């Protein structure tokens, strides 16, 4: 593992409903789609994905 982090939706600046409504204006989004805003966890600049890397995301309710 080269990077691990966690965050919470309560730290988001925009509400999830607002983001999804914006995306749905011009896009078909299938049920179960993961929407990643890329703003909750920011790894250092030396962490980059390479071909063959695996990204695991866990969602807790």
N, C-alpha and C. Protein backbone atom coordinates (compact mmCIF):
# COMPACT_ATOMS: atom_id res chain seq x y z
N UNK A 1 0.85 -1.17 0.00
CA UNK A 1 0.00 0.00 0.00
C UNK A 1 0.90 1.23 0.00
N UNK A 2 0.63 2.14 -0.92
CA UNK A 2 1.44 3.37 -0.99
C UNK A 2 0.73 4.58 -0.41
N UNK A 3 -0.60 4.46 -0.25
CA UNK A 3 -1.35 5.58 0.30
C UNK A 3 -2.65 5.07 0.91
N UNK A 4 -3.03 5.64 2.04
CA UNK A 4 -4.32 5.33 2.65
C UNK A 4 -4.87 6.63 3.24
N UNK A 5 -6.15 6.79 3.20
CA UNK A 5 -6.76 7.98 3.76
C UNK A 5 -8.24 7.75 3.96
N UNK A 6 -8.88 8.66 4.66
CA UNK A 6 -10.32 8.56 4.84
C UNK A 6 -10.90 9.96 4.97
N UNK A 7 -12.16 10.05 4.67
CA UNK A 7 -12.86 11.33 4.79
C UNK A 7 -14.33 11.04 5.07
N UNK A 8 -15.14 12.07 5.14
CA UNK A 8 -16.54 11.92 5.46
C UNK A 8 -17.33 12.91 4.62
N UNK A 9 -18.52 12.52 4.19
CA UNK A 9 -19.33 13.43 3.37
C UNK A 9 -19.68 14.72 4.08
N UNK A 10 -19.62 14.74 5.39
CA UNK A 10 -19.92 15.97 6.13
C UNK A 10 -18.88 17.06 5.87
N UNK A 11 -17.74 16.68 5.31
CA UNK A 11 -16.68 17.65 5.02
C UNK A 11 -16.79 18.23 3.61
N UNK A 12 -17.77 17.75 2.83
CA UNK A 12 -17.94 18.24 1.46
C UNK A 12 -18.52 19.64 1.46
N UNK A 13 -18.05 20.48 0.55
CA UNK A 13 -18.55 21.85 0.45
C UNK A 13 -19.92 21.92 -0.20
N UNK A 14 -20.17 21.02 -1.17
CA UNK A 14 -21.46 20.97 -1.84
C UNK A 14 -22.19 19.71 -1.41
N UNK A 15 -23.51 19.79 -1.34
CA UNK A 15 -24.31 18.63 -0.96
C UNK A 15 -24.30 17.61 -2.09
N UNK A 16 -24.36 16.35 -1.72
CA UNK A 16 -24.37 15.27 -2.70
C UNK A 16 -25.53 15.44 -3.68
N UNK A 17 -26.69 15.84 -3.18
CA UNK A 17 -27.86 16.02 -4.04
C UNK A 17 -27.59 17.07 -5.12
N UNK A 18 -26.86 18.12 -4.77
CA UNK A 18 -26.52 19.18 -5.72
C UNK A 18 -25.59 18.65 -6.80
N UNK A 19 -24.59 17.88 -6.41
CA UNK A 19 -23.63 17.32 -7.37
C UNK A 19 -24.34 16.35 -8.31
N UNK A 20 -25.16 15.47 -7.77
CA UNK A 20 -25.86 14.49 -8.61
C UNK A 20 -26.84 15.18 -9.55
N UNK A 21 -27.57 16.17 -9.07
CA UNK A 21 -28.50 16.92 -9.92
C UNK A 21 -27.75 17.57 -11.08
N UNK A 22 -26.58 18.12 -10.82
CA UNK A 22 -25.78 18.75 -11.87
C UNK A 22 -25.35 17.70 -12.91
N UNK A 23 -24.88 16.55 -12.44
CA UNK A 23 -24.43 15.50 -13.35
C UNK A 23 -25.58 14.95 -14.19
N UNK A 24 -26.77 14.86 -13.61
CA UNK A 24 -27.92 14.29 -14.31
C UNK A 24 -28.51 15.22 -15.37
N UNK A 25 -28.10 16.47 -15.37
CA UNK A 25 -28.64 17.41 -16.36
C UNK A 25 -28.38 16.94 -17.77
N UNK A 26 -27.20 16.42 -18.05
CA UNK A 26 -26.81 16.04 -19.41
C UNK A 26 -26.24 14.63 -19.52
N UNK A 27 -26.35 13.83 -18.47
CA UNK A 27 -25.74 12.50 -18.47
C UNK A 27 -26.72 11.46 -17.96
N UNK A 28 -26.65 10.27 -18.52
CA UNK A 28 -27.37 9.13 -17.99
C UNK A 28 -26.44 8.45 -17.01
N UNK A 29 -26.87 8.32 -15.76
CA UNK A 29 -26.02 7.72 -14.73
C UNK A 29 -26.73 6.48 -14.20
N UNK A 30 -26.19 5.29 -14.48
CA UNK A 30 -26.83 4.05 -14.03
C UNK A 30 -26.88 3.95 -12.50
N UNK A 31 -27.90 3.29 -12.01
CA UNK A 31 -28.02 3.04 -10.58
C UNK A 31 -26.78 2.30 -10.09
N UNK A 32 -26.27 2.68 -8.94
CA UNK A 32 -25.09 2.04 -8.36
C UNK A 32 -23.78 2.68 -8.77
N UNK A 33 -23.84 3.75 -9.56
CA UNK A 33 -22.63 4.43 -9.99
C UNK A 33 -21.95 5.14 -8.82
N UNK A 34 -20.65 5.02 -8.73
CA UNK A 34 -19.87 5.72 -7.71
C UNK A 34 -19.46 7.07 -8.26
N UNK A 35 -19.85 8.13 -7.55
CA UNK A 35 -19.47 9.48 -7.96
C UNK A 35 -18.31 9.91 -7.07
N UNK A 36 -17.16 10.12 -7.67
CA UNK A 36 -15.97 10.52 -6.92
C UNK A 36 -15.64 11.97 -7.27
N UNK A 37 -15.61 12.83 -6.26
CA UNK A 37 -15.36 14.25 -6.51
C UNK A 37 -13.88 14.58 -6.46
N UNK A 38 -13.05 13.66 -5.97
CA UNK A 38 -11.60 13.85 -5.93
C UNK A 38 -11.18 15.02 -5.05
N UNK A 39 -11.97 15.37 -4.07
CA UNK A 39 -11.60 16.50 -3.23
C UNK A 39 -11.45 16.14 -1.75
N UNK A 40 -11.87 14.95 -1.36
CA UNK A 40 -11.84 14.60 0.05
C UNK A 40 -10.48 14.16 0.56
N UNK A 41 -9.73 13.47 -0.26
CA UNK A 41 -8.42 12.95 0.13
C UNK A 41 -7.42 13.32 -0.96
N UNK A 42 -6.38 14.00 -0.57
CA UNK A 42 -5.39 14.43 -1.56
C UNK A 42 -4.02 13.86 -1.18
N UNK A 43 -3.57 12.84 -1.91
CA UNK A 43 -2.25 12.26 -1.62
C UNK A 43 -1.13 13.22 -2.07
N UNK A 44 0.06 12.98 -1.59
CA UNK A 44 1.19 13.81 -1.98
C UNK A 44 1.47 13.66 -3.48
N UNK A 45 2.23 14.58 -4.04
CA UNK A 45 2.48 14.59 -5.49
C UNK A 45 3.27 13.38 -5.97
N UNK A 46 3.99 12.70 -5.08
CA UNK A 46 4.78 11.55 -5.51
C UNK A 46 3.95 10.27 -5.62
N UNK A 47 2.66 10.33 -5.26
CA UNK A 47 1.78 9.17 -5.36
C UNK A 47 1.01 9.26 -6.67
N UNK A 48 1.31 8.35 -7.58
CA UNK A 48 0.64 8.33 -8.88
C UNK A 48 0.23 6.90 -9.20
N UNK A 49 -0.94 6.74 -9.82
CA UNK A 49 -1.35 5.41 -10.24
C UNK A 49 -0.54 4.98 -11.45
N UNK A 50 -0.21 3.69 -11.46
CA UNK A 50 0.52 3.11 -12.59
C UNK A 50 -0.29 1.96 -13.15
N UNK A 51 -0.02 1.58 -14.38
CA UNK A 51 -0.70 0.46 -15.01
C UNK A 51 -0.61 -0.77 -14.11
N UNK A 52 -1.74 -1.37 -13.82
CA UNK A 52 -1.77 -2.56 -12.96
C UNK A 52 -2.08 -2.27 -11.50
N UNK A 53 -2.04 -0.99 -11.08
CA UNK A 53 -2.39 -0.64 -9.71
C UNK A 53 -3.86 -0.95 -9.45
N UNK A 54 -4.18 -1.25 -8.21
CA UNK A 54 -5.56 -1.53 -7.81
C UNK A 54 -5.99 -0.48 -6.79
N UNK A 55 -7.16 0.10 -7.02
CA UNK A 55 -7.72 1.08 -6.09
C UNK A 55 -8.90 0.43 -5.39
N UNK A 56 -8.88 0.45 -4.06
CA UNK A 56 -9.99 -0.12 -3.27
C UNK A 56 -10.69 1.00 -2.53
N UNK A 57 -12.01 1.05 -2.63
CA UNK A 57 -12.80 2.07 -1.96
C UNK A 57 -13.84 1.36 -1.10
N UNK A 58 -13.91 1.71 0.16
CA UNK A 58 -14.89 1.15 1.07
C UNK A 58 -15.85 2.24 1.49
N UNK A 59 -17.13 1.93 1.46
CA UNK A 59 -18.16 2.89 1.83
C UNK A 59 -18.89 2.37 3.06
N UNK A 60 -18.91 3.18 4.10
CA UNK A 60 -19.63 2.82 5.31
C UNK A 60 -20.89 3.66 5.42
N UNK A 61 -21.96 3.07 5.89
CA UNK A 61 -23.20 3.83 6.09
C UNK A 61 -23.25 4.37 7.48
